[in-house]
Amino acid sequence: MQQMILDVDTGIDDALALMVAVRHPDVNLRAVTCVAGNASLKQVVKNTLKVLDMAGAGDIPVAAGASRPLLAEANHAAHVHGTDGLADLGLPESARTVLPLHAVELLRREILASPTPVTLVPLAPMTNIALLVRMYPEVLSNVERIVFMGGSASVGNATAVAEFNTWHDPEAAEIVLSAGVPITMYGLDVFYAVSIPPEDIVRLSAASEPGAQLVGRLLQHIVTVKGGEIRVAGEGHGDIGDAGAVCAAIDPDGLRTSNLPVRVSLGDPLTRGQTVVDHRTAGHEQHGAGDPLFRRIDVALGVDGARYSKLFLDTITG
């Protein structure tokens, strides 16, 4: 049983990821921590509790964390996720409550309490994780791997070169990359390549089971708002986004990675938040080689989209 913790800014694709983590039989979702990103922290917490209800989750501890990035102001993404972060579907309020402790304290507690090393899956700006690394570095000895959704080895979405999560809090991303544990970057190079075809979206939307129906409705929204996104694999398909990172944590053999030096751009406004990935292999390409600010991590450059789509659908529908 894989011990897993999700750090989320619950918008649409975080909701899909939560559904997979809750329902996969080989995952023990130990906790969920919340951070501002796709929506405000208050809204992210509300969304997370609602999705856990719809997923049929047990008593999974949830805690609220950072309400803004380490240095910058918060920038939300209502244009993609709707004003409430969940496609404005009007989901019922949850009776669940958050723990009266900060997300960093919950992360520390659950990582140290885990009988085996934890897989930490940040699907949001990594503010909470950076605070954990700085405040309690000793917990990293019980972290098997960090699989984060963020970054890009090619083009961006928040800007021409920066992906939203790393752009939202690049200082936090840079701190996490230096944590000294194995890290996989599940970025935009694979993000759009795992998608659900229209016929499955229709089937899910018509399901009587609330969780499957919610997934279908969220995917319908994704198709609508991303209709012009040519990176989505398949016409009329809805990409599962963040949920792909959870699939990668469960089934890493479906991902093609390369261990490459990476650093996060923190200065120039044109490149702020860019994950600068050094693809060079020739020994004579020396300029910048050995820069201690570049950290070697596993960068996802390819994915078996059909494999992860099947994993996603099988998990959602049981």
C-alpha atoms as a PDB file:
ATOM      1  CA  MET A   1       0.000   0.000   0.000  1.00  0.00           C
ATOM      2  CA  GLN A   2       1.478   3.305  -1.118  1.00  0.00           C
ATOM      3  CA  GLN A   3       1.426   6.005   1.554  1.00  0.00           C
ATOM      4  CA  MET A   4       0.481   9.266  -0.177  1.00  0.00           C
ATOM      5  CA  ILE A   5      -0.206  12.890   0.754  1.00  0.00           C
ATOM      6  CA  LEU A   6      -1.690  15.420  -1.667  1.00  0.00           C
ATOM      7  CA  ASP A   7      -1.096  19.166  -1.460  1.00  0.00           C
ATOM      8  CA  VAL A   8      -3.808  20.884  -3.484  1.00  0.00           C
ATOM      9  CA  ASP A   9      -5.320  24.192  -4.609  1.00  0.00           C
ATOM     10  CA  THR A  10      -8.532  22.429  -5.474  1.00  0.00           C
ATOM     11  CA  GLY A  11      -9.808  23.491  -8.815  1.00  0.00           C
ATOM     12  CA  ILE A  12     -11.119  21.148 -11.468  1.00  0.00           C
ATOM     13  CA  ASP A  13      -8.100  18.934 -12.133  1.00  0.00           C
ATOM     14  CA  ASP A  14      -7.129  18.791  -8.441  1.00  0.00           C
ATOM     15  CA  ALA A  15     -10.643  17.420  -7.898  1.00  0.00           C
ATOM     16  CA  LEU A  16      -9.976  14.706 -10.481  1.00  0.00           C
ATOM     17  CA  ALA A  17      -6.673  13.916  -8.745  1.00  0.00           C
ATOM     18  CA  LEU A  18      -8.369  13.657  -5.347  1.00  0.00           C
ATOM     19  CA  MET A  19     -10.890  11.222  -6.802  1.00  0.00           C
ATOM     20  CA  VAL A  20      -8.094   8.957  -8.055  1.00  0.00           C
ATOM     21  CA  ALA A  21      -6.109   9.081  -4.805  1.00  0.00           C
ATOM     22  CA  VAL A  22      -9.196   8.302  -2.710  1.00  0.00           C
ATOM     23  CA  ARG A  23     -10.453   5.477  -4.896  1.00  0.00           C
ATOM     24  CA  HIS A  24      -7.315   3.656  -5.989  1.00  0.00           C
ATOM     25  CA  PRO A  25      -7.052   0.383  -4.026  1.00  0.00           C
ATOM     26  CA  ASP A  26      -3.272   0.578  -3.659  1.00  0.00           C
ATOM     27  CA  VAL A  27      -3.172   4.109  -2.223  1.00  0.00           C
ATOM     28  CA  ASN A  28      -3.515   5.084   1.416  1.00  0.00           C
ATOM     29  CA  LEU A  29      -4.271   8.808   1.247  1.00  0.00           C
ATOM     30  CA  ARG A  30      -2.927   9.878   4.618  1.00  0.00           C
ATOM     31  CA  ALA A  31      -3.821  13.571   4.409  1.00  0.00           C
ATOM     32  CA  VAL A  32      -4.709  16.467   2.134  1.00  0.00           C
ATOM     33  CA  THR A  33      -3.226  19.920   2.622  1.00  0.00           C
ATOM     34  CA  CYS A  34      -4.575  23.069   1.004  1.00  0.00           C
ATOM     35  CA  VAL A  35      -2.875  26.159  -0.407  1.00  0.00           C
ATOM     36  CA  ALA A  36      -3.990  29.222  -2.342  1.00  0.00           C
ATOM     37  CA  GLY A  37      -3.618  28.898  -6.106  1.00  0.00           C
ATOM     38  CA  ASN A  38      -6.477  28.137  -8.475  1.00  0.00           C
ATOM     39  CA  ALA A  39      -8.738  29.854  -5.934  1.00  0.00           C
ATOM     40  CA  SER A  40      -8.408  31.577  -2.568  1.00  0.00           C
ATOM     41  CA  LEU A  41      -7.383  29.412   0.371  1.00  0.00           C
ATOM     42  CA  LYS A  42     -10.862  29.606   1.888  1.00  0.00           C
ATOM     43  CA  GLN A  43     -12.443  28.442  -1.367  1.00  0.00           C
ATOM     44  CA  VAL A  44      -9.814  25.735  -1.890  1.00  0.00           C
ATOM     45  CA  VAL A  45     -10.616  24.275   1.535  1.00  0.00           C
ATOM     46  CA  LYS A  46     -14.361  24.293   0.816  1.00  0.00           C
ATOM     47  CA  ASN A  47     -13.799  22.651  -2.557  1.00  0.00           C
ATOM     48  CA  THR A  48     -11.539  19.984  -1.108  1.00  0.00           C
ATOM     49  CA  LEU A  49     -14.082  18.953   1.513  1.00  0.00           C
ATOM     50  CA  LYS A  50     -16.861  18.819  -1.084  1.00  0.00           C
ATOM     51  CA  VAL A  51     -14.808  16.634  -3.427  1.00  0.00           C
ATOM     52  CA  LEU A  52     -13.882  14.247  -0.626  1.00  0.00           C
ATOM     53  CA  ASP A  53     -17.608  13.855   0.050  1.00  0.00           C
ATOM     54  CA  MET A  54     -18.335  13.127  -3.601  1.00  0.00           C
ATOM     55  CA  ALA A  55     -15.442  10.664  -3.744  1.00  0.00           C
ATOM     56  CA  GLY A  56     -16.854   8.718  -0.791  1.00  0.00           C
ATOM     57  CA  ALA A  57     -13.661   9.261   1.191  1.00  0.00           C
ATOM     58  CA  GLY A  58     -13.241   8.146   4.756  1.00  0.00           C
ATOM     59  CA  ASP A  59     -12.030  10.362   7.578  1.00  0.00           C
ATOM     60  CA  ILE A  60      -9.022  11.833   5.782  1.00  0.00           C
ATOM     61  CA  PRO A  61      -7.411  14.720   7.698  1.00  0.00           C
ATOM     62  CA  VAL A  62      -7.444  18.073   5.883  1.00  0.00           C
ATOM     63  CA  ALA A  63      -5.609  21.247   6.882  1.00  0.00           C
ATOM     64  CA  ALA A  64      -5.355  24.760   5.494  1.00  0.00           C
ATOM     65  CA  GLY A  65      -1.947  26.239   4.756  1.00  0.00           C
ATOM     66  CA  ALA A  66      -0.526  29.290   3.035  1.00  0.00           C
ATOM     67  CA  SER A  67      -2.996  31.887   1.790  1.00  0.00           C
ATOM     68  CA  ARG A  68      -0.461  33.526  -0.547  1.00  0.00           C
ATOM     69  CA  PRO A  69       2.964  32.848  -2.081  1.00  0.00           C
ATOM     70  CA  LEU A  70       6.154  33.379  -0.087  1.00  0.00           C
ATOM     71  CA  LEU A  71       6.877  36.781  -1.641  1.00  0.00           C
ATOM     72  CA  ALA A  72       4.320  37.722  -4.281  1.00  0.00           C
ATOM     73  CA  GLU A  73       0.592  38.357  -4.181  1.00  0.00           C
ATOM     74  CA  ALA A  74      -1.835  35.544  -4.948  1.00  0.00           C
ATOM     75  CA  ASN A  75      -3.106  35.139  -8.529  1.00  0.00           C
ATOM     76  CA  HIS A  76      -6.154  32.958  -8.966  1.00  0.00           C
ATOM     77  CA  ALA A  77      -7.471  31.175 -12.088  1.00  0.00           C
ATOM     78  CA  ALA A  78     -11.232  31.708 -12.179  1.00  0.00           C
ATOM     79  CA  HIS A  79     -11.089  32.056 -15.980  1.00  0.00           C
ATOM     80  CA  VAL A  80     -10.302  28.340 -16.165  1.00  0.00           C
ATOM     81  CA  HIS A  81     -11.891  26.826 -13.066  1.00  0.00           C
ATOM     82  CA  GLY A  82     -14.967  29.014 -12.603  1.00  0.00           C
ATOM     83  CA  THR A  83     -15.638  31.557  -9.885  1.00  0.00           C
ATOM     84  CA  ASP A  84     -15.848  28.854  -7.209  1.00  0.00           C
ATOM     85  CA  GLY A  85     -12.952  26.815  -8.610  1.00  0.00           C
ATOM     86  CA  LEU A  86     -15.204  23.854  -9.418  1.00  0.00           C
ATOM     87  CA  ALA A  87     -16.901  24.948 -12.647  1.00  0.00           C
ATOM     88  CA  ASP A  88     -19.686  26.682 -10.674  1.00  0.00           C
ATOM     89  CA  LEU A  89     -21.571  23.392 -10.386  1.00  0.00           C
ATOM     90  CA  GLY A  90     -23.179  24.333  -7.060  1.00  0.00           C
ATOM     91  CA  LEU A  91     -22.013  21.256  -5.165  1.00  0.00           C
ATOM     92  CA  PRO A  92     -23.593  20.773  -1.729  1.00  0.00           C
ATOM     93  CA  GLU A  93     -21.746  22.089   1.307  1.00  0.00           C
ATOM     94  CA  SER A  94     -19.761  19.529   3.274  1.00  0.00           C
ATOM     95  CA  ALA A  95     -20.159  18.653   6.946  1.00  0.00           C
ATOM     96  CA  ARG A  96     -16.462  17.797   7.100  1.00  0.00           C
ATOM     97  CA  THR A  97     -14.169  20.091   9.040  1.00  0.00           C
ATOM     98  CA  VAL A  98     -10.519  21.018   8.694  1.00  0.00           C
ATOM     99  CA  LEU A  99      -8.079  20.331  11.485  1.00  0.00           C
ATOM    100  CA  PRO A 100      -7.212  23.269  13.748  1.00  0.00           C
ATOM    101  CA  LEU A 101      -3.557  23.193  12.741  1.00  0.00           C
ATOM    102  CA  HIS A 102      -1.517  24.535   9.863  1.00  0.00           C
ATOM    103  CA  ALA A 103      -0.966  22.379   6.789  1.00  0.00           C
ATOM    104  CA  VAL A 104       2.782  22.288   7.488  1.00  0.00           C
ATOM    105  CA  GLU A 105       2.115  20.762  10.908  1.00  0.00           C
ATOM    106  CA  LEU A 106      -0.180  18.139   9.385  1.00  0.00           C
ATOM    107  CA  LEU A 107       2.437  17.312   6.766  1.00  0.00           C
ATOM    108  CA  ARG A 108       5.049  16.883   9.483  1.00  0.00           C
ATOM    109  CA  ARG A 109       2.755  14.726  11.606  1.00  0.00           C
ATOM    110  CA  GLU A 110       1.668  12.373   8.844  1.00  0.00           C
ATOM    111  CA  ILE A 111       5.082  11.987   7.233  1.00  0.00           C
ATOM    112  CA  LEU A 112       6.720  11.092  10.550  1.00  0.00           C
ATOM    113  CA  ALA A 113       3.852   8.754  11.507  1.00  0.00           C
ATOM    114  CA  SER A 114       3.918   6.793   8.255  1.00  0.00           C
ATOM    115  CA  PRO A 115       5.185   3.207   8.621  1.00  0.00           C
ATOM    116  CA  THR A 116       6.888   3.447   5.216  1.00  0.00           C
ATOM    117  CA  PRO A 117       8.265   6.436   3.299  1.00  0.00           C
ATOM    118  CA  VAL A 118       5.584   8.746   1.915  1.00  0.00           C
ATOM    119  CA  THR A 119       5.014   9.796  -1.679  1.00  0.00           C
ATOM    120  CA  LEU A 120       4.304  13.520  -1.556  1.00  0.00           C
ATOM    121  CA  VAL A 121       2.261  14.812  -4.499  1.00  0.00           C
ATOM    122  CA  PRO A 122       2.015  18.621  -4.706  1.00  0.00           C
ATOM    123  CA  LEU A 123      -0.536  19.663  -7.325  1.00  0.00           C
ATOM    124  CA  ALA A 124      -0.411  23.371  -6.576  1.00  0.00           C
ATOM    125  CA  PRO A 125       1.998  26.215  -5.932  1.00  0.00           C
ATOM    126  CA  MET A 126       4.526  24.635  -3.569  1.00  0.00           C
ATOM    127  CA  THR A 127       4.330  27.218  -0.783  1.00  0.00           C
ATOM    128  CA  ASN A 128       3.324  24.680   1.876  1.00  0.00           C
ATOM    129  CA  ILE A 129       6.014  22.239   0.812  1.00  0.00           C
ATOM    130  CA  ALA A 130       8.721  24.904   0.823  1.00  0.00           C
ATOM    131  CA  LEU A 131       7.716  25.921   4.346  1.00  0.00           C
ATOM    132  CA  LEU A 132       7.902  22.268   5.396  1.00  0.00           C
ATOM    133  CA  VAL A 133      11.378  21.906   3.907  1.00  0.00           C
ATOM    134  CA  ARG A 134      12.615  24.983   5.739  1.00  0.00           C
ATOM    135  CA  MET A 135      10.861  24.372   9.084  1.00  0.00           C
ATOM    136  CA  TYR A 136      11.169  20.593   9.434  1.00  0.00           C
ATOM    137  CA  PRO A 137      13.899  19.285   7.129  1.00  0.00           C
ATOM    138  CA  GLU A 138      14.209  16.155   9.286  1.00  0.00           C
ATOM    139  CA  VAL A 139      10.919  14.788   7.869  1.00  0.00           C
ATOM    140  CA  LEU A 140      12.483  14.408   4.421  1.00  0.00           C
ATOM    141  CA  SER A 141      14.170  11.195   5.546  1.00  0.00           C
ATOM    142  CA  ASN A 142      10.714   9.572   5.462  1.00  0.00           C
ATOM    143  CA  VAL A 143       9.744  10.956   2.030  1.00  0.00           C
ATOM    144  CA  GLU A 144      10.288   8.399  -0.729  1.00  0.00           C
ATOM    145  CA  ARG A 145       9.696  10.828  -3.606  1.00  0.00           C
ATOM    146  CA  ILE A 146       8.064  14.117  -4.479  1.00  0.00           C
ATOM    147  CA  VAL A 147       5.976  13.943  -7.659  1.00  0.00           C
ATOM    148  CA  PHE A 148       4.851  17.473  -8.392  1.00  0.00           C
ATOM    149  CA  MET A 149       2.599  18.883 -11.082  1.00  0.00           C
ATOM    150  CA  GLY A 150       4.365  21.976 -12.270  1.00  0.00           C
ATOM    151  CA  GLY A 151       6.934  23.395 -14.596  1.00  0.00           C
ATOM    152  CA  SER A 152       7.702  22.780 -18.222  1.00  0.00           C
ATOM    153  CA  ALA A 153      10.693  21.770 -20.289  1.00  0.00           C
ATOM    154  CA  SER A 154       9.189  23.617 -23.277  1.00  0.00           C
ATOM    155  CA  VAL A 155       6.447  26.268 -23.238  1.00  0.00           C
ATOM    156  CA  GLY A 156       4.239  27.623 -20.483  1.00  0.00           C
ATOM    157  CA  ASN A 157       0.587  28.431 -19.847  1.00  0.00           C
ATOM    158  CA  ALA A 158       0.600  31.250 -17.267  1.00  0.00           C
ATOM    159  CA  THR A 159       3.175  32.990 -19.461  1.00  0.00           C
ATOM    160  CA  ALA A 160       4.988  32.054 -22.655  1.00  0.00           C
ATOM    161  CA  VAL A 161       7.567  30.083 -20.663  1.00  0.00           C
ATOM    162  CA  ALA A 162       6.145  29.527 -17.163  1.00  0.00           C
ATOM    163  CA  GLU A 163       3.595  26.990 -15.949  1.00  0.00           C
ATOM    164  CA  PHE A 164       0.984  28.326 -13.480  1.00  0.00           C
ATOM    165  CA  ASN A 165       2.066  26.529 -10.294  1.00  0.00           C
ATOM    166  CA  THR A 166       5.736  27.468 -10.565  1.00  0.00           C
ATOM    167  CA  TRP A 167       4.849  30.963 -11.796  1.00  0.00           C
ATOM    168  CA  HIS A 168       2.528  31.513  -8.826  1.00  0.00           C
ATOM    169  CA  ASP A 169       5.314  30.880  -6.288  1.00  0.00           C
ATOM    170  CA  PRO A 170       8.691  30.391  -7.998  1.00  0.00           C
ATOM    171  CA  GLU A 171      10.659  30.915  -4.777  1.00  0.00           C
ATOM    172  CA  ALA A 172       8.811  28.008  -3.202  1.00  0.00           C
ATOM    173  CA  ALA A 173       9.469  25.792  -6.233  1.00  0.00           C
ATOM    174  CA  GLU A 174      13.186  26.601  -6.102  1.00  0.00           C
ATOM    175  CA  ILE A 175      13.329  25.678  -2.392  1.00  0.00           C
ATOM    176  CA  VAL A 176      11.604  22.341  -3.013  1.00  0.00           C
ATOM    177  CA  LEU A 177      13.919  21.454  -5.891  1.00  0.00           C
ATOM    178  CA  SER A 178      16.830  21.796  -3.452  1.00  0.00           C
ATOM    179  CA  ALA A 179      15.238  19.510  -0.838  1.00  0.00           C
ATOM    180  CA  GLY A 180      17.622  16.632  -1.526  1.00  0.00           C
ATOM    181  CA  VAL A 181      14.989  13.922  -2.069  1.00  0.00           C
ATOM    182  CA  PRO A 182      14.100  12.182  -5.358  1.00  0.00           C
ATOM    183  CA  ILE A 183      11.806  14.462  -7.384  1.00  0.00           C
ATOM    184  CA  THR A 184       9.733  13.931 -10.505  1.00  0.00           C
ATOM    185  CA  MET A 185       8.500  16.976 -12.413  1.00  0.00           C
ATOM    186  CA  TYR A 186       5.184  16.181 -14.087  1.00  0.00           C
ATOM    187  CA  GLY A 187       4.969  19.326 -16.187  1.00  0.00           C
ATOM    188  CA  LEU A 188       3.186  20.707 -19.215  1.00  0.00           C
ATOM    189  CA  ASP A 189       5.183  18.449 -21.536  1.00  0.00           C
ATOM    190  CA  VAL A 190       2.901  15.571 -20.467  1.00  0.00           C
ATOM    191  CA  PHE A 191       0.046  17.418 -18.734  1.00  0.00           C
ATOM    192  CA  TYR A 192      -2.289  17.574 -21.742  1.00  0.00           C
ATOM    193  CA  ALA A 193      -1.394  14.164 -23.167  1.00  0.00           C
ATOM    194  CA  VAL A 194      -3.622  12.114 -20.852  1.00  0.00           C
ATOM    195  CA  SER A 195      -7.181  12.734 -21.961  1.00  0.00           C
ATOM    196  CA  ILE A 196     -10.631  11.185 -21.828  1.00  0.00           C
ATOM    197  CA  PRO A 197     -12.615  10.728 -25.077  1.00  0.00           C
ATOM    198  CA  PRO A 198     -16.059  12.298 -25.536  1.00  0.00           C
ATOM    199  CA  GLU A 199     -17.988   9.042 -25.269  1.00  0.00           C
ATOM    200  CA  ASP A 200     -16.500   8.303 -21.843  1.00  0.00           C
ATOM    201  CA  ILE A 201     -17.225  11.854 -20.672  1.00  0.00           C
ATOM    202  CA  VAL A 202     -20.867  11.408 -21.671  1.00  0.00           C
ATOM    203  CA  ARG A 203     -21.002   8.032 -19.921  1.00  0.00           C
ATOM    204  CA  LEU A 204     -19.528   9.441 -16.715  1.00  0.00           C
ATOM    205  CA  SER A 205     -21.813  12.473 -16.746  1.00  0.00           C
ATOM    206  CA  ALA A 206     -24.853  10.189 -16.950  1.00  0.00           C
ATOM    207  CA  ALA A 207     -23.683   7.898 -14.144  1.00  0.00           C
ATOM    208  CA  SER A 208     -25.896   7.431 -11.111  1.00  0.00           C
ATOM    209  CA  GLU A 209     -22.894   7.273  -8.778  1.00  0.00           C
ATOM    210  CA  PRO A 210     -22.151  10.836  -7.570  1.00  0.00           C
ATOM    211  CA  GLY A 211     -18.368  10.696  -7.848  1.00  0.00           C
ATOM    212  CA  ALA A 212     -18.312   9.393 -11.407  1.00  0.00           C
ATOM    213  CA  GLN A 213     -20.985  11.912 -12.404  1.00  0.00           C
ATOM    214  CA  LEU A 214     -18.943  14.761 -10.917  1.00  0.00           C
ATOM    215  CA  VAL A 215     -15.883  13.636 -12.885  1.00  0.00           C
ATOM    216  CA  GLY A 216     -17.914  13.662 -16.095  1.00  0.00           C
ATOM    217  CA  ARG A 217     -19.289  17.144 -15.441  1.00  0.00           C
ATOM    218  CA  LEU A 218     -15.845  18.520 -14.614  1.00  0.00           C
ATOM    219  CA  LEU A 219     -14.420  17.005 -17.785  1.00  0.00           C
ATOM    220  CA  GLN A 220     -17.237  18.594 -19.782  1.00  0.00           C
ATOM    221  CA  HIS A 221     -16.183  21.965 -18.388  1.00  0.00           C
ATOM    222  CA  ILE A 222     -12.567  21.276 -19.298  1.00  0.00           C
ATOM    223  CA  VAL A 223     -13.553  20.528 -22.895  1.00  0.00           C
ATOM    224  CA  THR A 224     -15.451  23.818 -23.043  1.00  0.00           C
ATOM    225  CA  VAL A 225     -12.746  26.069 -21.630  1.00  0.00           C
ATOM    226  CA  LYS A 226      -9.857  24.353 -23.405  1.00  0.00           C
ATOM    227  CA  GLY A 227     -11.494  23.956 -26.791  1.00  0.00           C
ATOM    228  CA  GLY A 228      -8.696  25.855 -28.506  1.00  0.00           C
ATOM    229  CA  GLU A 229      -5.818  24.123 -26.693  1.00  0.00           C
ATOM    230  CA  ILE A 230      -4.033  22.135 -29.403  1.00  0.00           C
ATOM    231  CA  ARG A 231      -1.899  20.314 -26.827  1.00  0.00           C
ATOM    232  CA  VAL A 232      -4.890  18.308 -25.572  1.00  0.00           C
ATOM    233  CA  ALA A 233      -4.637  14.810 -27.050  1.00  0.00           C
ATOM    234  CA  GLY A 234      -7.726  14.106 -29.162  1.00  0.00           C
ATOM    235  CA  GLU A 235     -10.492  16.281 -30.577  1.00  0.00           C
ATOM    236  CA  GLY A 236     -13.272  16.794 -28.067  1.00  0.00           C
ATOM    237  CA  HIS A 237     -11.230  15.076 -25.346  1.00  0.00           C
ATOM    238  CA  GLY A 238     -10.880  16.394 -21.816  1.00  0.00           C
ATOM    239  CA  ASP A 239      -7.431  16.237 -20.253  1.00  0.00           C
ATOM    240  CA  ILE A 240      -7.165  14.970 -16.677  1.00  0.00           C
ATOM    241  CA  GLY A 241      -4.392  17.454 -15.840  1.00  0.00           C
ATOM    242  CA  ASP A 242      -3.206  17.136 -12.232  1.00  0.00           C
ATOM    243  CA  ALA A 243      -4.701  13.663 -11.943  1.00  0.00           C
ATOM    244  CA  GLY A 244      -1.973  12.495 -14.300  1.00  0.00           C
ATOM    245  CA  ALA A 245       0.612  13.231 -11.614  1.00  0.00           C
ATOM    246  CA  VAL A 246      -1.237  10.924  -9.229  1.00  0.00           C
ATOM    247  CA  CYS A 247      -1.294   8.278 -11.962  1.00  0.00           C
ATOM    248  CA  ALA A 248       2.467   8.765 -12.360  1.00  0.00           C
ATOM    249  CA  ALA A 249       2.995   8.261  -8.638  1.00  0.00           C
ATOM    250  CA  ILE A 250       0.927   5.058  -8.762  1.00  0.00           C
ATOM    251  CA  ASP A 251       2.350   3.723 -12.045  1.00  0.00           C
ATOM    252  CA  PRO A 252       5.708   5.379 -12.793  1.00  0.00           C
ATOM    253  CA  ASP A 253       6.443   2.972 -15.660  1.00  0.00           C
ATOM    254  CA  GLY A 254       3.890   4.841 -17.773  1.00  0.00           C
ATOM    255  CA  LEU A 255       6.099   7.926 -17.726  1.00  0.00           C
ATOM    256  CA  ARG A 256       9.250   8.608 -19.760  1.00  0.00           C
ATOM    257  CA  THR A 257      11.642  10.757 -17.772  1.00  0.00           C
ATOM    258  CA  SER A 258      15.142  12.094 -18.105  1.00  0.00           C
ATOM    259  CA  ASN A 259      17.331  13.076 -15.165  1.00  0.00           C
ATOM    260  CA  LEU A 260      18.215  16.673 -15.986  1.00  0.00           C
ATOM    261  CA  PRO A 261      19.524  19.821 -14.275  1.00  0.00           C
ATOM    262  CA  VAL A 262      16.703  22.266 -13.502  1.00  0.00           C
ATOM    263  CA  ARG A 263      16.416  25.636 -11.818  1.00  0.00           C
ATOM    264  CA  VAL A 264      13.594  28.128 -11.466  1.00  0.00           C
ATOM    265  CA  SER A 265      13.865  31.636 -12.872  1.00  0.00           C
ATOM    266  CA  LEU A 266      13.248  34.185 -10.116  1.00  0.00           C
ATOM    267  CA  GLY A 267      14.257  37.510 -11.598  1.00  0.00           C
ATOM    268  CA  ASP A 268      13.361  38.751 -15.067  1.00  0.00           C
ATOM    269  CA  PRO A 269       9.573  39.368 -15.285  1.00  0.00           C
ATOM    270  CA  LEU A 270       9.561  37.831 -18.754  1.00  0.00           C
ATOM    271  CA  THR A 271      10.862  34.493 -17.468  1.00  0.00           C
ATOM    272  CA  ARG A 272       9.798  34.499 -13.803  1.00  0.00           C
ATOM    273  CA  GLY A 273       8.566  31.061 -12.819  1.00  0.00           C
ATOM    274  CA  GLN A 274      10.137  29.282 -15.793  1.00  0.00           C
ATOM    275  CA  THR A 275      11.699  25.917 -15.028  1.00  0.00           C
ATOM    276  CA  VAL A 276      14.963  26.188 -16.941  1.00  0.00           C
ATOM    277  CA  VAL A 277      15.785  22.626 -18.012  1.00  0.00           C
ATOM    278  CA  ASP A 278      19.295  21.921 -19.293  1.00  0.00           C
ATOM    279  CA  HIS A 279      18.969  19.309 -22.040  1.00  0.00           C
ATOM    280  CA  ARG A 280      22.635  19.508 -23.096  1.00  0.00           C
ATOM    281  CA  THR A 281      24.670  16.317 -23.138  1.00  0.00           C
ATOM    282  CA  ALA A 282      27.879  17.249 -24.999  1.00  0.00           C
ATOM    283  CA  GLY A 283      30.893  17.591 -22.713  1.00  0.00           C
ATOM    284  CA  HIS A 284      32.195  20.710 -24.473  1.00  0.00           C
ATOM    285  CA  GLU A 285      28.996  22.685 -23.709  1.00  0.00           C
ATOM    286  CA  GLN A 286      30.434  24.207 -20.555  1.00  0.00           C
ATOM    287  CA  HIS A 287      28.790  27.590 -20.075  1.00  0.00           C
ATOM    288  CA  GLY A 288      26.749  27.327 -16.884  1.00  0.00           C
ATOM    289  CA  ALA A 289      27.758  23.709 -16.268  1.00  0.00           C
ATOM    290  CA  GLY A 290      28.143  22.842 -12.620  1.00  0.00           C
ATOM    291  CA  ASP A 291      26.009  25.761 -11.418  1.00  0.00           C
ATOM    292  CA  PRO A 292      24.986  24.699  -7.883  1.00  0.00           C
ATOM    293  CA  LEU A 293      21.553  26.289  -8.352  1.00  0.00           C
ATOM    294  CA  PHE A 294      20.706  23.656 -10.969  1.00  0.00           C
ATOM    295  CA  ARG A 295      19.280  20.532  -9.295  1.00  0.00           C
ATOM    296  CA  ARG A 296      19.084  17.185 -11.049  1.00  0.00           C
ATOM    297  CA  ILE A 297      15.544  15.866 -11.025  1.00  0.00           C
ATOM    298  CA  ASP A 298      13.529  13.447 -13.148  1.00  0.00           C
ATOM    299  CA  VAL A 299      11.745  15.498 -15.804  1.00  0.00           C
ATOM    300  CA  ALA A 300       8.729  13.907 -17.500  1.00  0.00           C
ATOM    301  CA  LEU A 301       9.149  14.229 -21.261  1.00  0.00           C
ATOM    302  CA  GLY A 302       6.702  11.588 -22.464  1.00  0.00           C
ATOM    303  CA  VAL A 303       3.723   9.624 -21.180  1.00  0.00           C
ATOM    304  CA  ASP A 304       1.688   6.613 -22.234  1.00  0.00           C
ATOM    305  CA  GLY A 305      -1.562   8.533 -22.456  1.00  0.00           C
ATOM    306  CA  ALA A 306      -3.732   5.507 -23.136  1.00  0.00           C
ATOM    307  CA  ARG A 307      -2.274   3.670 -20.153  1.00  0.00           C
ATOM    308  CA  TYR A 308      -2.981   6.522 -17.732  1.00  0.00           C
ATOM    309  CA  SER A 309      -6.422   7.187 -19.224  1.00  0.00           C
ATOM    310  CA  LYS A 310      -7.339   3.572 -18.540  1.00  0.00           C
ATOM    311  CA  LEU A 311      -5.899   3.771 -15.032  1.00  0.00           C
ATOM    312  CA  PHE A 312      -7.949   6.921 -14.413  1.00  0.00           C
ATOM    313  CA  LEU A 313     -11.226   5.514 -15.746  1.00  0.00           C
ATOM    314  CA  ASP A 314     -10.826   2.137 -14.032  1.00  0.00           C
ATOM    315  CA  THR A 315     -10.142   3.863 -10.727  1.00  0.00           C
ATOM    316  CA  ILE A 316     -13.041   6.301 -10.979  1.00  0.00           C
ATOM    317  CA  THR A 317     -15.586   3.666 -11.970  1.00  0.00           C
ATOM    318  CA  GLY A 318     -14.240   0.917  -9.736  1.00  0.00           C
END
